[in-house]
């Protein structure tokens, strides 16, 4: 988990109603990952945005999950952790027949960095 390796800290988390999740994370701009991605021009890797979204979903469900399908992954802007260190994560979920559909977005203010639609299943083991 990225928060366990100090990639980000969770500032705020809520489930205002069933199927809705809102969170705020603060990125650690001095994390070692940015020395390689990229020196003197840090960029949050896209896979990290997917992982942060997954971790917020898991927190809302209080269980681990597996991503089984991603029907849409859009990287709309580069996340520079020295400029946009605080990110908002919002998504809607719907669970049916043991599968969890999720539509997520990561933004900072009016700037949207990432949109995702996918299907997860609870990890049974």
N, C-alpha and C. Protein backbone atom coordinates (compact mmCIF):
# COMPACT_ATOMS: atom_id res chain seq x y z
N UNK A 1 0.84 -1.18 0.00
CA UNK A 1 0.00 0.00 0.00
C UNK A 1 0.88 1.24 0.00
N UNK A 2 0.50 2.18 -0.81
CA UNK A 2 1.32 3.39 -0.96
C UNK A 2 1.36 4.24 0.30
N UNK A 3 0.28 4.27 1.06
CA UNK A 3 0.32 5.08 2.28
C UNK A 3 1.23 4.45 3.33
N UNK A 4 1.46 3.16 3.26
CA UNK A 4 2.34 2.49 4.21
C UNK A 4 3.81 2.74 3.91
N UNK A 5 4.12 3.18 2.69
CA UNK A 5 5.51 3.49 2.36
C UNK A 5 5.72 5.00 2.26
N UNK A 6 4.83 5.75 2.88
CA UNK A 6 4.94 7.20 3.01
C UNK A 6 4.88 7.93 1.67
N UNK A 7 4.17 7.35 0.70
CA UNK A 7 3.97 8.04 -0.58
C UNK A 7 2.94 9.15 -0.42
N UNK A 8 1.94 8.90 0.42
CA UNK A 8 0.94 9.91 0.71
C UNK A 8 0.42 9.74 2.13
N UNK A 9 -0.21 10.79 2.62
CA UNK A 9 -0.90 10.75 3.91
C UNK A 9 -2.36 11.03 3.66
N UNK A 10 -3.21 10.35 4.37
CA UNK A 10 -4.65 10.55 4.24
C UNK A 10 -5.06 11.71 5.14
N UNK A 11 -5.52 12.81 4.53
CA UNK A 11 -5.96 13.98 5.28
C UNK A 11 -7.42 13.88 5.71
N UNK A 12 -8.25 13.33 4.81
CA UNK A 12 -9.68 13.29 5.08
C UNK A 12 -10.28 12.12 4.32
N UNK A 13 -11.32 11.53 4.91
CA UNK A 13 -11.99 10.40 4.28
C UNK A 13 -13.43 10.36 4.76
N UNK A 14 -14.36 10.22 3.83
CA UNK A 14 -15.76 10.10 4.24
C UNK A 14 -16.55 9.31 3.21
N UNK A 15 -17.61 8.73 3.70
CA UNK A 15 -18.60 8.05 2.88
C UNK A 15 -19.91 8.76 3.18
N UNK A 16 -20.18 9.88 2.46
CA UNK A 16 -21.33 10.71 2.80
C UNK A 16 -22.68 10.00 2.62
N UNK A 17 -22.70 9.03 1.74
CA UNK A 17 -23.89 8.19 1.55
C UNK A 17 -23.44 6.90 0.90
N UNK A 18 -24.29 5.90 0.95
CA UNK A 18 -23.94 4.60 0.38
C UNK A 18 -23.52 4.76 -1.07
N UNK A 19 -22.40 4.16 -1.40
CA UNK A 19 -21.91 4.19 -2.76
C UNK A 19 -21.11 5.42 -3.15
N UNK A 20 -20.93 6.35 -2.23
CA UNK A 20 -20.15 7.58 -2.50
C UNK A 20 -18.95 7.60 -1.56
N UNK A 21 -17.82 7.96 -2.11
CA UNK A 21 -16.59 8.07 -1.31
C UNK A 21 -15.90 9.37 -1.66
N UNK A 22 -15.44 10.07 -0.64
CA UNK A 22 -14.67 11.29 -0.82
C UNK A 22 -13.45 11.20 0.08
N UNK A 23 -12.30 11.55 -0.47
CA UNK A 23 -11.07 11.51 0.31
C UNK A 23 -10.14 12.63 -0.14
N UNK A 24 -9.23 12.96 0.74
CA UNK A 24 -8.19 13.93 0.42
C UNK A 24 -6.87 13.35 0.91
N UNK A 25 -5.88 13.37 0.02
CA UNK A 25 -4.55 12.87 0.37
C UNK A 25 -3.52 13.96 0.11
N UNK A 26 -2.44 13.89 0.88
CA UNK A 26 -1.31 14.81 0.67
C UNK A 26 -0.12 13.97 0.22
N UNK A 27 0.37 14.27 -0.96
CA UNK A 27 1.52 13.55 -1.52
C UNK A 27 2.80 13.96 -0.83
N UNK A 28 3.71 13.02 -0.71
CA UNK A 28 5.04 13.28 -0.15
C UNK A 28 5.98 13.57 -1.32
N UNK A 29 6.18 14.85 -1.61
CA UNK A 29 6.99 15.25 -2.77
C UNK A 29 8.45 14.84 -2.65
N UNK A 30 8.90 14.49 -1.45
CA UNK A 30 10.29 14.06 -1.27
C UNK A 30 10.44 12.54 -1.31
N UNK A 31 9.37 11.82 -1.64
CA UNK A 31 9.44 10.36 -1.70
C UNK A 31 10.46 9.92 -2.76
N UNK A 32 11.12 8.81 -2.50
CA UNK A 32 12.18 8.31 -3.38
C UNK A 32 11.70 8.01 -4.80
N UNK A 33 10.44 7.70 -4.98
CA UNK A 33 9.95 7.39 -6.33
C UNK A 33 10.17 8.54 -7.30
N UNK A 34 10.15 9.78 -6.79
CA UNK A 34 10.28 10.94 -7.66
C UNK A 34 11.73 11.19 -8.10
N UNK A 35 12.68 10.52 -7.47
CA UNK A 35 14.07 10.62 -7.92
C UNK A 35 14.26 9.94 -9.27
N UNK A 36 13.40 8.95 -9.54
CA UNK A 36 13.48 8.26 -10.82
C UNK A 36 12.36 8.63 -11.77
N UNK A 37 11.35 9.33 -11.27
CA UNK A 37 10.16 9.63 -12.09
C UNK A 37 9.74 11.08 -11.88
N UNK A 38 10.39 12.03 -12.22
CA UNK A 38 11.63 12.15 -12.97
C UNK A 38 12.51 13.13 -12.23
N UNK A 39 13.83 12.95 -12.23
CA UNK A 39 14.72 13.87 -11.51
C UNK A 39 14.50 15.32 -11.95
N UNK A 40 14.38 16.20 -10.98
CA UNK A 40 14.18 17.64 -11.21
C UNK A 40 12.86 18.00 -11.89
N UNK A 41 12.00 17.01 -12.14
CA UNK A 41 10.69 17.24 -12.73
C UNK A 41 9.75 16.13 -12.26
N UNK A 42 9.40 16.13 -10.96
CA UNK A 42 8.63 15.00 -10.41
C UNK A 42 7.23 14.89 -11.01
N UNK A 43 6.85 13.66 -11.31
CA UNK A 43 5.53 13.35 -11.86
C UNK A 43 5.02 12.10 -11.15
N UNK A 44 3.78 12.15 -10.68
CA UNK A 44 3.17 10.98 -10.05
C UNK A 44 2.89 9.95 -11.15
N UNK A 45 3.44 8.74 -11.01
CA UNK A 45 3.16 7.71 -12.01
C UNK A 45 1.66 7.39 -12.07
N UNK A 46 1.16 7.15 -13.27
CA UNK A 46 -0.25 6.84 -13.44
C UNK A 46 -0.70 5.64 -12.62
N UNK A 47 0.16 4.64 -12.53
CA UNK A 47 -0.21 3.45 -11.76
C UNK A 47 -0.42 3.80 -10.28
N UNK A 48 0.26 4.82 -9.80
CA UNK A 48 0.06 5.26 -8.41
C UNK A 48 -1.31 5.90 -8.22
N UNK A 49 -1.80 6.61 -9.23
CA UNK A 49 -3.14 7.19 -9.15
C UNK A 49 -4.19 6.08 -9.11
N UNK A 50 -3.98 5.04 -9.89
CA UNK A 50 -4.89 3.88 -9.85
C UNK A 50 -4.83 3.23 -8.47
N UNK A 51 -3.63 3.04 -7.94
CA UNK A 51 -3.47 2.39 -6.65
C UNK A 51 -4.09 3.21 -5.51
N UNK A 52 -3.92 4.52 -5.54
CA UNK A 52 -4.53 5.37 -4.50
C UNK A 52 -6.05 5.22 -4.56
N UNK A 53 -6.61 5.21 -5.76
CA UNK A 53 -8.06 5.03 -5.90
C UNK A 53 -8.48 3.68 -5.32
N UNK A 54 -7.75 2.65 -5.64
CA UNK A 54 -8.05 1.30 -5.13
C UNK A 54 -7.99 1.28 -3.61
N UNK A 55 -6.99 1.94 -3.03
CA UNK A 55 -6.86 1.97 -1.57
C UNK A 55 -8.02 2.70 -0.91
N UNK A 56 -8.52 3.75 -1.56
CA UNK A 56 -9.68 4.46 -0.99
C UNK A 56 -10.94 3.59 -1.10
N UNK A 57 -11.08 2.85 -2.19
CA UNK A 57 -12.20 1.92 -2.32
C UNK A 57 -12.12 0.87 -1.21
N UNK A 58 -10.95 0.30 -1.01
CA UNK A 58 -10.78 -0.72 0.02
C UNK A 58 -11.07 -0.18 1.41
N UNK A 59 -10.68 1.05 1.66
CA UNK A 59 -10.97 1.66 2.95
C UNK A 59 -12.48 1.80 3.14
N UNK A 60 -13.18 2.17 2.08
CA UNK A 60 -14.63 2.33 2.19
C UNK A 60 -15.33 1.00 2.42
N UNK A 61 -14.76 -0.08 1.89
CA UNK A 61 -15.36 -1.41 2.01
C UNK A 61 -14.82 -2.20 3.20
N UNK A 62 -13.73 -1.70 3.78
CA UNK A 62 -13.05 -2.39 4.88
C UNK A 62 -12.61 -3.81 4.49
N UNK A 63 -12.09 -3.92 3.27
CA UNK A 63 -11.59 -5.19 2.78
C UNK A 63 -10.62 -4.93 1.62
N UNK A 64 -9.84 -5.93 1.26
CA UNK A 64 -8.98 -5.80 0.09
C UNK A 64 -9.76 -6.22 -1.15
N UNK A 65 -9.31 -5.72 -2.31
CA UNK A 65 -9.99 -6.02 -3.56
C UNK A 65 -8.98 -6.36 -4.64
N UNK A 66 -9.50 -6.87 -5.72
CA UNK A 66 -8.71 -7.10 -6.92
C UNK A 66 -9.39 -6.38 -8.08
N UNK A 67 -8.62 -5.66 -8.85
CA UNK A 67 -9.13 -5.03 -10.06
C UNK A 67 -9.26 -6.12 -11.11
N UNK A 68 -10.47 -6.29 -11.65
CA UNK A 68 -10.64 -7.34 -12.65
C UNK A 68 -10.94 -6.78 -14.05
N UNK A 69 -11.33 -5.49 -14.11
CA UNK A 69 -11.57 -4.88 -15.41
C UNK A 69 -11.47 -3.36 -15.28
N UNK A 70 -10.82 -2.75 -16.25
CA UNK A 70 -10.83 -1.29 -16.32
C UNK A 70 -11.33 -0.92 -17.71
N UNK A 71 -12.49 -0.29 -17.74
CA UNK A 71 -13.09 0.06 -19.02
C UNK A 71 -12.70 1.46 -19.47
N UNK A 72 -12.21 2.28 -18.53
CA UNK A 72 -11.77 3.63 -18.88
C UNK A 72 -10.70 4.07 -17.90
N UNK A 73 -9.57 4.47 -18.43
CA UNK A 73 -8.50 5.07 -17.63
C UNK A 73 -8.02 6.28 -18.42
N UNK A 74 -8.29 7.47 -17.88
CA UNK A 74 -7.90 8.70 -18.57
C UNK A 74 -6.98 9.52 -17.68
N UNK A 75 -5.79 9.79 -18.19
CA UNK A 75 -4.84 10.67 -17.52
C UNK A 75 -4.95 12.02 -18.22
N UNK A 76 -5.58 12.97 -17.56
CA UNK A 76 -5.93 14.24 -18.20
C UNK A 76 -4.91 15.34 -17.97
N UNK A 77 -4.12 15.21 -16.92
CA UNK A 77 -3.08 16.21 -16.61
C UNK A 77 -2.02 15.54 -15.75
N UNK A 78 -0.82 16.07 -15.83
CA UNK A 78 0.29 15.56 -15.05
C UNK A 78 0.17 16.06 -13.60
N UNK A 79 0.40 15.16 -12.65
CA UNK A 79 0.41 15.55 -11.24
C UNK A 79 1.85 15.79 -10.82
N UNK A 80 2.18 17.03 -10.58
CA UNK A 80 3.49 17.42 -10.05
C UNK A 80 3.29 17.59 -8.54
N UNK A 81 3.89 16.72 -7.72
CA UNK A 81 3.64 16.78 -6.28
C UNK A 81 4.18 18.04 -5.60
N UNK A 82 5.03 18.79 -6.29
CA UNK A 82 5.52 20.04 -5.71
C UNK A 82 4.55 21.19 -5.98
N UNK A 83 3.63 21.00 -6.93
CA UNK A 83 2.65 22.02 -7.28
C UNK A 83 1.28 21.66 -6.71
N UNK A 84 0.87 20.42 -6.93
CA UNK A 84 -0.44 19.93 -6.49
C UNK A 84 -0.23 18.78 -5.51
N UNK A 85 0.16 19.12 -4.29
CA UNK A 85 0.46 18.09 -3.29
C UNK A 85 -0.79 17.52 -2.65
N UNK A 86 -1.88 18.27 -2.64
CA UNK A 86 -3.12 17.82 -2.02
C UNK A 86 -4.12 17.47 -3.11
N UNK A 87 -4.55 16.21 -3.10
CA UNK A 87 -5.46 15.71 -4.12
C UNK A 87 -6.78 15.28 -3.50
N UNK A 88 -7.86 15.50 -4.23
CA UNK A 88 -9.16 15.02 -3.82
C UNK A 88 -9.51 13.81 -4.67
N UNK A 89 -10.03 12.79 -4.01
CA UNK A 89 -10.48 11.58 -4.69
C UNK A 89 -11.96 11.45 -4.43
N UNK A 90 -12.72 11.28 -5.49
CA UNK A 90 -14.16 11.10 -5.35
C UNK A 90 -14.59 9.97 -6.26
N UNK A 91 -15.42 9.09 -5.74
CA UNK A 91 -15.98 8.08 -6.62
C UNK A 91 -17.31 7.56 -6.15
N UNK A 92 -17.99 6.97 -7.12
CA UNK A 92 -19.26 6.31 -6.90
C UNK A 92 -19.02 4.82 -7.08
N UNK A 93 -19.69 4.04 -6.26
CA UNK A 93 -19.57 2.59 -6.38
C UNK A 93 -20.95 1.96 -6.38
N UNK A 94 -21.01 0.80 -6.97
CA UNK A 94 -22.22 0.01 -6.96
C UNK A 94 -21.81 -1.45 -6.90
N UNK A 95 -22.37 -2.17 -5.95
CA UNK A 95 -22.03 -3.59 -5.80
C UNK A 95 -23.21 -4.43 -6.22
N UNK A 96 -22.91 -5.40 -7.10
CA UNK A 96 -23.95 -6.30 -7.58
C UNK A 96 -23.33 -7.62 -7.97
N UNK A 97 -23.94 -8.69 -7.55
CA UNK A 97 -23.48 -10.05 -7.88
C UNK A 97 -22.02 -10.26 -7.52
N UNK A 98 -21.58 -9.70 -6.40
CA UNK A 98 -20.21 -9.88 -5.93
C UNK A 98 -19.17 -9.02 -6.62
N UNK A 99 -19.59 -8.15 -7.52
CA UNK A 99 -18.66 -7.27 -8.22
C UNK A 99 -18.94 -5.82 -7.83
N UNK A 100 -17.89 -5.02 -7.77
CA UNK A 100 -17.99 -3.62 -7.38
C UNK A 100 -17.59 -2.77 -8.56
N UNK A 101 -18.54 -2.03 -9.11
CA UNK A 101 -18.26 -1.08 -10.18
C UNK A 101 -17.87 0.24 -9.53
N UNK A 102 -16.83 0.87 -10.04
CA UNK A 102 -16.36 2.13 -9.46
C UNK A 102 -16.07 3.13 -10.57
N UNK A 103 -16.51 4.36 -10.35
CA UNK A 103 -16.17 5.50 -11.21
C UNK A 103 -15.44 6.49 -10.33
N UNK A 104 -14.18 6.72 -10.62
CA UNK A 104 -13.35 7.57 -9.75
C UNK A 104 -12.78 8.76 -10.52
N UNK A 105 -12.49 9.80 -9.76
CA UNK A 105 -11.80 10.97 -10.31
C UNK A 105 -10.84 11.50 -9.25
N UNK A 106 -9.69 11.96 -9.71
CA UNK A 106 -8.71 12.59 -8.83
C UNK A 106 -8.47 14.00 -9.35
N UNK A 107 -8.56 14.96 -8.44
CA UNK A 107 -8.44 16.36 -8.83
C UNK A 107 -7.77 17.18 -7.75
N UNK A 108 -7.49 18.42 -8.09
CA UNK A 108 -7.04 19.44 -7.13
C UNK A 108 -7.75 20.72 -7.55
N UNK A 109 -8.72 21.12 -6.75
CA UNK A 109 -9.51 22.28 -7.13
C UNK A 109 -10.28 21.97 -8.40
N UNK A 110 -10.16 22.85 -9.38
CA UNK A 110 -10.87 22.67 -10.65
C UNK A 110 -10.10 21.77 -11.63
N UNK A 111 -8.86 21.47 -11.33
CA UNK A 111 -8.02 20.69 -12.24
C UNK A 111 -8.24 19.19 -12.01
N UNK A 112 -8.70 18.51 -13.04
CA UNK A 112 -8.92 17.06 -12.98
C UNK A 112 -7.72 16.37 -13.62
N UNK A 113 -7.12 15.46 -12.86
CA UNK A 113 -5.93 14.76 -13.34
C UNK A 113 -6.25 13.39 -13.94
N UNK A 114 -7.27 12.73 -13.39
CA UNK A 114 -7.44 11.31 -13.65
C UNK A 114 -8.91 10.93 -13.53
N UNK A 115 -9.37 10.12 -14.47
CA UNK A 115 -10.71 9.52 -14.39
C UNK A 115 -10.58 8.03 -14.65
N UNK A 116 -11.39 7.28 -13.93
CA UNK A 116 -11.28 5.82 -13.98
C UNK A 116 -12.65 5.18 -13.85
N UNK A 117 -12.90 4.17 -14.66
CA UNK A 117 -14.07 3.31 -14.51
C UNK A 117 -13.55 1.88 -14.51
N UNK A 118 -13.97 1.12 -13.51
CA UNK A 118 -13.50 -0.24 -13.44
C UNK A 118 -14.38 -1.11 -12.57
N UNK A 119 -14.04 -2.39 -12.56
CA UNK A 119 -14.77 -3.37 -11.78
C UNK A 119 -13.77 -4.11 -10.88
N UNK A 120 -14.15 -4.24 -9.63
CA UNK A 120 -13.32 -4.91 -8.64
C UNK A 120 -14.11 -6.08 -8.05
N UNK A 121 -13.39 -7.00 -7.44
CA UNK A 121 -14.05 -8.02 -6.64
C UNK A 121 -13.33 -8.08 -5.30
N UNK A 122 -14.07 -8.46 -4.31
CA UNK A 122 -13.48 -8.61 -2.97
C UNK A 122 -12.46 -9.71 -3.01
N UNK A 123 -11.35 -9.49 -2.33
CA UNK A 123 -10.27 -10.47 -2.27
C UNK A 123 -10.60 -11.47 -1.17
N UNK A 124 -10.78 -12.69 -1.56
CA UNK A 124 -11.17 -13.72 -0.59
C UNK A 124 -9.99 -14.52 -0.05
N UNK A 125 -8.82 -14.05 -0.28
CA UNK A 125 -7.81 -14.87 0.28
C UNK A 125 -6.44 -14.55 -0.02
